[in-house]
Amino acid sequence: MVRTFRREGVTEAAMAGGIAKVRIFGGLRPDLLALKHAPKLRNWGNDDLLRTVAGMFEEEGVAIIDPARICPEIVAREGCYTKNRPSEALWDDIRLGWKVARTVSEADVGQTVCIKRGNVVAVEAMEGTDRCIRRAGEVGGKGFVVVKVAKPGQDVRFDLPAIGPTTVEALADAGAAAMAFPAKLSYVLDEAATVAAAEKAKIALVGLA
C-alpha cells in the first residue's frame, strides 16, 4: 500500500469500514515495514493497533485523515432512516443496548451488542459486527435489536461504527428488527442502497443523539 501511495503521489488517506482483526491470530504474515513498527505496539487492543498503523503510514509520508472531511455525506444523522420505526418494546431494548455497548466499548472489547426483550443475546469481540449479528440470530431467534457505538474518546480518523449494505444483509439473514448507532459518530455507507435494503427487510435504522 505504501509503495502504491508513493507511486501515485498520495499524501493523505481515509479509512472506513471493518478490519478483519481475527487474521492477526490466524496466519498473518507481516512484511518488513510491519515488522519495523510492530515493537511500538503496547498491546493488541483495537485502538492501540489502529493508532500504530496510522503512525506507520504517517512516518511514510501518508497522513490518515477523518473520512468526513472528504465525504461529509456519510456521517450519520439523528433520527430514523427508514419508514419502519421501532416499537416501544424495541426502544426499551435499544436503550439497554446503548448502556451495555458503551460499557463494552469503554473496555475496548467491541462496539456492538444485540438485545432481545431485555436480554443481552450477543456481544461483539474479535469476530466483528456481522458475525456478532449472525450469532444473535442463532442464539435468540428473530426480533432482536443491534446497537453499535463509538468508544469514549474515539479517534474519528478510524474505527468509527460503519453501517452499509452488507450490514443490512447480515441483519436480515439473522432476523434483526432494528439497528441503532450514534449520530455524528458513525458512518452510513452507500445510504440509498443501505436504506432500500433495510426497508425491504422491514428493519428499522436509527441514528441516536
C-alpha atoms as a PDB file:
ATOM      1  CA  MET A   1       0.000   0.000   0.000  1.00  0.00           C
ATOM      2  CA  VAL A   2       2.789   2.430   0.893  1.00  0.00           C
ATOM      3  CA  ARG A   3       4.563   1.775  -2.420  1.00  0.00           C
ATOM      4  CA  THR A   4       1.325   2.379  -4.321  1.00  0.00           C
ATOM      5  CA  PHE A   5       0.632   5.618  -2.445  1.00  0.00           C
ATOM      6  CA  ARG A   6       4.141   6.887  -3.168  1.00  0.00           C
ATOM      7  CA  ARG A   7       3.906   5.978  -6.833  1.00  0.00           C
ATOM      8  CA  GLU A   8       0.560   7.784  -7.204  1.00  0.00           C
ATOM      9  CA  GLY A   9       1.632  10.835  -5.186  1.00  0.00           C
ATOM     10  CA  VAL A  10      -0.853  10.214  -2.361  1.00  0.00           C
ATOM     11  CA  THR A  11      -0.161  12.235   0.804  1.00  0.00           C
ATOM     12  CA  GLU A  12      -3.470  11.685   2.645  1.00  0.00           C
ATOM     13  CA  ALA A  13      -5.699   8.630   3.084  1.00  0.00           C
ATOM     14  CA  ALA A  14      -9.013   7.931   4.827  1.00  0.00           C
ATOM     15  CA  MET A  15     -10.294   4.692   6.341  1.00  0.00           C
ATOM     16  CA  ALA A  16     -13.906   3.492   6.562  1.00  0.00           C
ATOM     17  CA  GLY A  17     -15.428   0.071   7.214  1.00  0.00           C
ATOM     18  CA  GLY A  18     -14.262  -3.015   9.036  1.00  0.00           C
ATOM     19  CA  ILE A  19     -10.846  -4.560   9.529  1.00  0.00           C
ATOM     20  CA  ALA A  20     -10.601  -8.331   9.970  1.00  0.00           C
ATOM     21  CA  LYS A  21      -8.583  -8.258  13.182  1.00  0.00           C
ATOM     22  CA  VAL A  22      -9.067 -12.002  13.605  1.00  0.00           C
ATOM     23  CA  ARG A  23      -6.404 -12.505  10.896  1.00  0.00           C
ATOM     24  CA  ILE A  24      -3.744 -11.315  13.337  1.00  0.00           C
ATOM     25  CA  PHE A  25      -4.053 -14.642  15.154  1.00  0.00           C
ATOM     26  CA  GLY A  26      -4.799 -16.721  12.084  1.00  0.00           C
ATOM     27  CA  GLY A  27      -1.890 -16.819   9.665  1.00  0.00           C
ATOM     28  CA  LEU A  28      -0.992 -13.150   9.138  1.00  0.00           C
ATOM     29  CA  ARG A  29       2.477 -12.797   7.629  1.00  0.00           C
ATOM     30  CA  PRO A  30       3.851  -9.278   8.217  1.00  0.00           C
ATOM     31  CA  ASP A  31       6.200  -7.670   5.718  1.00  0.00           C
ATOM     32  CA  LEU A  32       9.381  -5.798   6.650  1.00  0.00           C
ATOM     33  CA  LEU A  33       7.559  -2.483   7.137  1.00  0.00           C
ATOM     34  CA  ALA A  34       5.078  -4.086   9.549  1.00  0.00           C
ATOM     35  CA  LEU A  35       7.900  -5.773  11.460  1.00  0.00           C
ATOM     36  CA  LYS A  36       9.677  -2.427  11.747  1.00  0.00           C
ATOM     37  CA  HIS A  37       6.688  -0.853  13.505  1.00  0.00           C
ATOM     38  CA  ALA A  38       5.452  -3.878  15.489  1.00  0.00           C
ATOM     39  CA  PRO A  39       7.651  -3.128  18.560  1.00  0.00           C
ATOM     40  CA  LYS A  40       5.721   0.138  19.036  1.00  0.00           C
ATOM     41  CA  LEU A  41       2.567  -1.792  19.959  1.00  0.00           C
ATOM     42  CA  ARG A  42       1.859  -1.577  23.684  1.00  0.00           C
ATOM     43  CA  ASN A  43      -0.907  -4.171  23.359  1.00  0.00           C
ATOM     44  CA  TRP A  44      -3.096  -5.752  20.687  1.00  0.00           C
ATOM     45  CA  GLY A  45      -6.258  -3.795  21.542  1.00  0.00           C
ATOM     46  CA  ASN A  46      -8.220  -2.239  18.664  1.00  0.00           C
ATOM     47  CA  ASP A  47      -7.348   1.362  19.489  1.00  0.00           C
ATOM     48  CA  ASP A  48      -3.621   0.845  20.032  1.00  0.00           C
ATOM     49  CA  LEU A  49      -3.352  -1.325  16.929  1.00  0.00           C
ATOM     50  CA  LEU A  50      -5.034   1.249  14.683  1.00  0.00           C
ATOM     51  CA  ARG A  51      -3.047   4.147  16.134  1.00  0.00           C
ATOM     52  CA  THR A  52       0.152   2.210  15.382  1.00  0.00           C
ATOM     53  CA  VAL A  53      -0.993   1.553  11.810  1.00  0.00           C
ATOM     54  CA  ALA A  54      -1.866   5.250  11.368  1.00  0.00           C
ATOM     55  CA  GLY A  55       1.532   6.230  12.784  1.00  0.00           C
ATOM     56  CA  MET A  56       3.251   3.870  10.373  1.00  0.00           C
ATOM     57  CA  PHE A  57       1.574   5.494   7.355  1.00  0.00           C
ATOM     58  CA  GLU A  58       2.335   8.981   8.644  1.00  0.00           C
ATOM     59  CA  GLU A  59       6.028   8.150   9.099  1.00  0.00           C
ATOM     60  CA  GLU A  60       5.986   7.003   5.481  1.00  0.00           C
ATOM     61  CA  GLY A  61       4.504  10.347   4.364  1.00  0.00           C
ATOM     62  CA  VAL A  62       0.794   9.490   4.206  1.00  0.00           C
ATOM     63  CA  ALA A  63      -1.426  11.261   6.758  1.00  0.00           C
ATOM     64  CA  ILE A  64      -4.526   9.356   7.907  1.00  0.00           C
ATOM     65  CA  ILE A  65      -7.440  11.823   7.972  1.00  0.00           C
ATOM     66  CA  ASP A  66     -11.056  11.891   9.118  1.00  0.00           C
ATOM     67  CA  PRO A  67     -13.175  10.455   6.245  1.00  0.00           C
ATOM     68  CA  ALA A  68     -15.881  13.050   6.976  1.00  0.00           C
ATOM     69  CA  ARG A  69     -13.536  15.751   5.697  1.00  0.00           C
ATOM     70  CA  ILE A  70     -13.864  14.479   2.129  1.00  0.00           C
ATOM     71  CA  CYS A  71     -17.190  12.594   2.383  1.00  0.00           C
ATOM     72  CA  PRO A  72     -19.374  14.601   4.802  1.00  0.00           C
ATOM     73  CA  GLU A  73     -22.495  12.919   3.436  1.00  0.00           C
ATOM     74  CA  ILE A  74     -21.622   9.604   5.087  1.00  0.00           C
ATOM     75  CA  VAL A  75     -21.815  10.989   8.643  1.00  0.00           C
ATOM     76  CA  ALA A  76     -24.860   9.531  10.418  1.00  0.00           C
ATOM     77  CA  ARG A  77     -27.601  11.968  11.345  1.00  0.00           C
ATOM     78  CA  GLU A  78     -30.081  11.803  14.196  1.00  0.00           C
ATOM     79  CA  GLY A  79     -33.451  10.180  13.516  1.00  0.00           C
ATOM     80  CA  CYS A  80     -34.984   7.179  11.796  1.00  0.00           C
ATOM     81  CA  TYR A  81     -33.610   6.465   8.345  1.00  0.00           C
ATOM     82  CA  THR A  82     -36.416   4.074   7.472  1.00  0.00           C
ATOM     83  CA  LYS A  83     -40.203   4.209   7.333  1.00  0.00           C
ATOM     84  CA  ASN A  84     -40.133   1.231   9.697  1.00  0.00           C
ATOM     85  CA  ARG A  85     -39.853   2.631  13.205  1.00  0.00           C
ATOM     86  CA  PRO A  86     -39.027   0.772  16.423  1.00  0.00           C
ATOM     87  CA  SER A  87     -41.960  -0.199  18.645  1.00  0.00           C
ATOM     88  CA  GLU A  88     -41.926   0.882  22.290  1.00  0.00           C
ATOM     89  CA  ALA A  89     -40.639  -2.572  23.281  1.00  0.00           C
ATOM     90  CA  LEU A  90     -37.795  -2.283  20.759  1.00  0.00           C
ATOM     91  CA  TRP A  91     -36.951   1.178  22.097  1.00  0.00           C
ATOM     92  CA  ASP A  92     -36.585  -0.351  25.578  1.00  0.00           C
ATOM     93  CA  ASP A  93     -34.097  -2.834  24.126  1.00  0.00           C
ATOM     94  CA  ILE A  94     -32.260  -0.062  22.273  1.00  0.00           C
ATOM     95  CA  ARG A  95     -31.845   1.934  25.487  1.00  0.00           C
ATOM     96  CA  LEU A  96     -30.478  -1.127  27.301  1.00  0.00           C
ATOM     97  CA  GLY A  97     -28.225  -1.918  24.345  1.00  0.00           C
ATOM     98  CA  TRP A  98     -26.824   1.613  24.373  1.00  0.00           C
ATOM     99  CA  LYS A  99     -25.912   1.294  28.058  1.00  0.00           C
ATOM    100  CA  VAL A 100     -24.284  -2.136  27.637  1.00  0.00           C
ATOM    101  CA  ALA A 101     -22.469  -1.206  24.420  1.00  0.00           C
ATOM    102  CA  ARG A 102     -20.943   1.898  25.993  1.00  0.00           C
ATOM    103  CA  THR A 103     -19.570  -0.231  28.839  1.00  0.00           C
ATOM    104  CA  VAL A 104     -18.189  -2.869  26.461  1.00  0.00           C
ATOM    105  CA  SER A 105     -16.614  -0.316  24.125  1.00  0.00           C
ATOM    106  CA  GLU A 106     -15.010   1.550  27.023  1.00  0.00           C
ATOM    107  CA  ALA A 107     -13.177  -1.689  27.833  1.00  0.00           C
ATOM    108  CA  ASP A 108     -12.024  -1.816  24.156  1.00  0.00           C
ATOM    109  CA  VAL A 109     -13.737  -5.188  23.660  1.00  0.00           C
ATOM    110  CA  GLY A 110     -16.093  -4.335  20.809  1.00  0.00           C
ATOM    111  CA  GLN A 111     -18.670  -1.800  19.709  1.00  0.00           C
ATOM    112  CA  THR A 112     -21.793  -3.899  19.123  1.00  0.00           C
ATOM    113  CA  VAL A 113     -24.350  -5.638  21.326  1.00  0.00           C
ATOM    114  CA  CYS A 114     -27.584  -7.457  20.453  1.00  0.00           C
ATOM    115  CA  ILE A 115     -30.591  -7.306  22.787  1.00  0.00           C
ATOM    116  CA  LYS A 116     -33.922  -9.137  22.824  1.00  0.00           C
ATOM    117  CA  ARG A 117     -36.683  -8.484  25.370  1.00  0.00           C
ATOM    118  CA  GLY A 118     -34.292  -7.096  27.932  1.00  0.00           C
ATOM    119  CA  ASN A 119     -31.667  -9.822  27.480  1.00  0.00           C
ATOM    120  CA  VAL A 120     -28.145  -9.438  26.126  1.00  0.00           C
ATOM    121  CA  VAL A 121     -28.049 -12.031  23.343  1.00  0.00           C
ATOM    122  CA  ALA A 122     -24.626 -11.347  21.825  1.00  0.00           C
ATOM    123  CA  VAL A 123     -21.632  -9.079  22.401  1.00  0.00           C
ATOM    124  CA  GLU A 124     -19.085  -8.301  19.694  1.00  0.00           C
ATOM    125  CA  ALA A 125     -15.498  -9.289  20.349  1.00  0.00           C
ATOM    126  CA  MET A 126     -12.785 -10.003  17.770  1.00  0.00           C
ATOM    127  CA  GLU A 127     -15.141 -11.636  15.251  1.00  0.00           C
ATOM    128  CA  GLY A 128     -16.621  -8.335  14.051  1.00  0.00           C
ATOM    129  CA  THR A 129     -20.109  -6.882  13.761  1.00  0.00           C
ATOM    130  CA  ASP A 130     -21.581  -9.134  11.065  1.00  0.00           C
ATOM    131  CA  ARG A 131     -20.635 -12.360  12.855  1.00  0.00           C
ATOM    132  CA  CYS A 132     -21.945 -10.962  16.144  1.00  0.00           C
ATOM    133  CA  ILE A 133     -25.281 -10.237  14.452  1.00  0.00           C
ATOM    134  CA  ARG A 134     -25.469 -13.701  12.934  1.00  0.00           C
ATOM    135  CA  ARG A 135     -24.690 -15.291  16.302  1.00  0.00           C
ATOM    136  CA  ALA A 136     -27.516 -13.298  17.899  1.00  0.00           C
ATOM    137  CA  GLY A 137     -29.928 -14.759  15.359  1.00  0.00           C
ATOM    138  CA  GLU A 138     -28.708 -18.273  16.089  1.00  0.00           C
ATOM    139  CA  VAL A 139     -28.938 -17.839  19.865  1.00  0.00           C
ATOM    140  CA  GLY A 140     -32.010 -15.652  20.328  1.00  0.00           C
ATOM    141  CA  GLY A 141     -34.031 -16.043  17.146  1.00  0.00           C
ATOM    142  CA  LYS A 142     -35.740 -13.226  15.265  1.00  0.00           C
ATOM    143  CA  GLY A 143     -36.816  -9.857  16.641  1.00  0.00           C
ATOM    144  CA  PHE A 144     -33.663  -8.609  18.374  1.00  0.00           C
ATOM    145  CA  VAL A 145     -32.112  -5.153  18.169  1.00  0.00           C
ATOM    146  CA  VAL A 146     -28.497  -4.286  17.387  1.00  0.00           C
ATOM    147  CA  VAL A 147     -26.795  -1.286  18.973  1.00  0.00           C
ATOM    148  CA  LYS A 148     -23.396  -0.103  17.776  1.00  0.00           C
ATOM    149  CA  VAL A 149     -21.499   2.724  19.486  1.00  0.00           C
ATOM    150  CA  ALA A 150     -18.236   4.628  19.286  1.00  0.00           C
ATOM    151  CA  LYS A 151     -15.654   4.269  22.037  1.00  0.00           C
ATOM    152  CA  PRO A 152     -15.322   7.082  24.606  1.00  0.00           C
ATOM    153  CA  GLY A 153     -12.653   9.451  23.303  1.00  0.00           C
ATOM    154  CA  GLN A 154     -12.821   7.798  19.888  1.00  0.00           C
ATOM    155  CA  ASP A 155     -10.233   8.940  17.354  1.00  0.00           C
ATOM    156  CA  VAL A 156     -12.535   9.940  14.480  1.00  0.00           C
ATOM    157  CA  ARG A 157      -9.895   9.044  11.876  1.00  0.00           C
ATOM    158  CA  PHE A 158     -10.628   5.345  12.221  1.00  0.00           C
ATOM    159  CA  ASP A 159     -12.820   2.641  13.711  1.00  0.00           C
ATOM    160  CA  LEU A 160     -15.977   4.724  13.955  1.00  0.00           C
ATOM    161  CA  PRO A 161     -19.052   2.477  13.549  1.00  0.00           C
ATOM    162  CA  ALA A 162     -19.866   1.979   9.871  1.00  0.00           C
ATOM    163  CA  ILE A 163     -23.166   0.668   8.514  1.00  0.00           C
ATOM    164  CA  GLY A 164     -23.625  -0.369   4.896  1.00  0.00           C
ATOM    165  CA  PRO A 165     -25.477  -2.794   2.603  1.00  0.00           C
ATOM    166  CA  THR A 166     -23.525  -5.811   3.891  1.00  0.00           C
ATOM    167  CA  THR A 167     -24.524  -4.871   7.447  1.00  0.00           C
ATOM    168  CA  VAL A 168     -28.193  -4.866   6.456  1.00  0.00           C
ATOM    169  CA  GLU A 169     -27.715  -8.206   4.707  1.00  0.00           C
ATOM    170  CA  ALA A 170     -26.412  -9.661   7.980  1.00  0.00           C
ATOM    171  CA  LEU A 171     -29.323  -8.081   9.899  1.00  0.00           C
ATOM    172  CA  ALA A 172     -31.880  -9.531   7.501  1.00  0.00           C
ATOM    173  CA  ASP A 173     -30.316 -13.007   7.424  1.00  0.00           C
ATOM    174  CA  ALA A 174     -30.268 -13.145  11.243  1.00  0.00           C
ATOM    175  CA  GLY A 175     -33.797 -11.771  11.709  1.00  0.00           C
ATOM    176  CA  ALA A 176     -32.956  -8.468  13.428  1.00  0.00           C
ATOM    177  CA  ALA A 177     -35.773  -5.961  13.900  1.00  0.00           C
ATOM    178  CA  ALA A 178     -33.752  -2.766  14.320  1.00  0.00           C
ATOM    179  CA  MET A 179     -30.266  -1.303  14.447  1.00  0.00           C
ATOM    180  CA  ALA A 180     -29.266   1.880  16.280  1.00  0.00           C
ATOM    181  CA  PHE A 181     -25.999   3.811  16.002  1.00  0.00           C
ATOM    182  CA  PRO A 182     -24.664   7.181  17.195  1.00  0.00           C
ATOM    183  CA  ALA A 183     -25.430  10.251  15.107  1.00  0.00           C
ATOM    184  CA  LYS A 184     -22.288  12.236  14.185  1.00  0.00           C
ATOM    185  CA  LEU A 185     -20.063   9.402  15.444  1.00  0.00           C
ATOM    186  CA  SER A 186     -20.785   6.729  12.837  1.00  0.00           C
ATOM    187  CA  TYR A 187     -20.942   6.390   9.072  1.00  0.00           C
ATOM    188  CA  VAL A 188     -23.725   5.210   6.794  1.00  0.00           C
ATOM    189  CA  LEU A 189     -22.012   3.997   3.629  1.00  0.00           C
ATOM    190  CA  ASP A 190     -23.967   3.925   0.340  1.00  0.00           C
ATOM    191  CA  GLU A 191     -27.016   5.326   2.127  1.00  0.00           C
ATOM    192  CA  ALA A 192     -29.545   4.837  -0.681  1.00  0.00           C
ATOM    193  CA  ALA A 193     -28.754   1.128  -1.068  1.00  0.00           C
ATOM    194  CA  THR A 194     -28.497   0.611   2.693  1.00  0.00           C
ATOM    195  CA  VAL A 195     -31.880   2.192   3.437  1.00  0.00           C
ATOM    196  CA  ALA A 196     -33.564   0.453   0.494  1.00  0.00           C
ATOM    197  CA  ALA A 197     -32.326  -2.934   1.717  1.00  0.00           C
ATOM    198  CA  ALA A 198     -33.497  -2.168   5.269  1.00  0.00           C
ATOM    199  CA  GLU A 199     -36.933  -1.096   4.027  1.00  0.00           C
ATOM    200  CA  LYS A 200     -37.272  -4.292   2.014  1.00  0.00           C
ATOM    201  CA  ALA A 201     -36.348  -6.394   5.062  1.00  0.00           C
ATOM    202  CA  LYS A 202     -38.602  -4.309   7.373  1.00  0.00           C
ATOM    203  CA  ILE A 203     -35.658  -3.348   9.592  1.00  0.00           C
ATOM    204  CA  ALA A 204     -35.558  -0.002  11.392  1.00  0.00           C
ATOM    205  CA  LEU A 205     -32.322   2.002  11.168  1.00  0.00           C
ATOM    206  CA  VAL A 206     -31.967   4.755  13.773  1.00  0.00           C
ATOM    207  CA  GLY A 207     -29.321   7.419  14.400  1.00  0.00           C
ATOM    208  CA  LEU A 208     -29.237   8.227  18.134  1.00  0.00           C
ATOM    209  CA  ALA A 209     -28.350  11.571  19.693  1.00  0.00           C
END
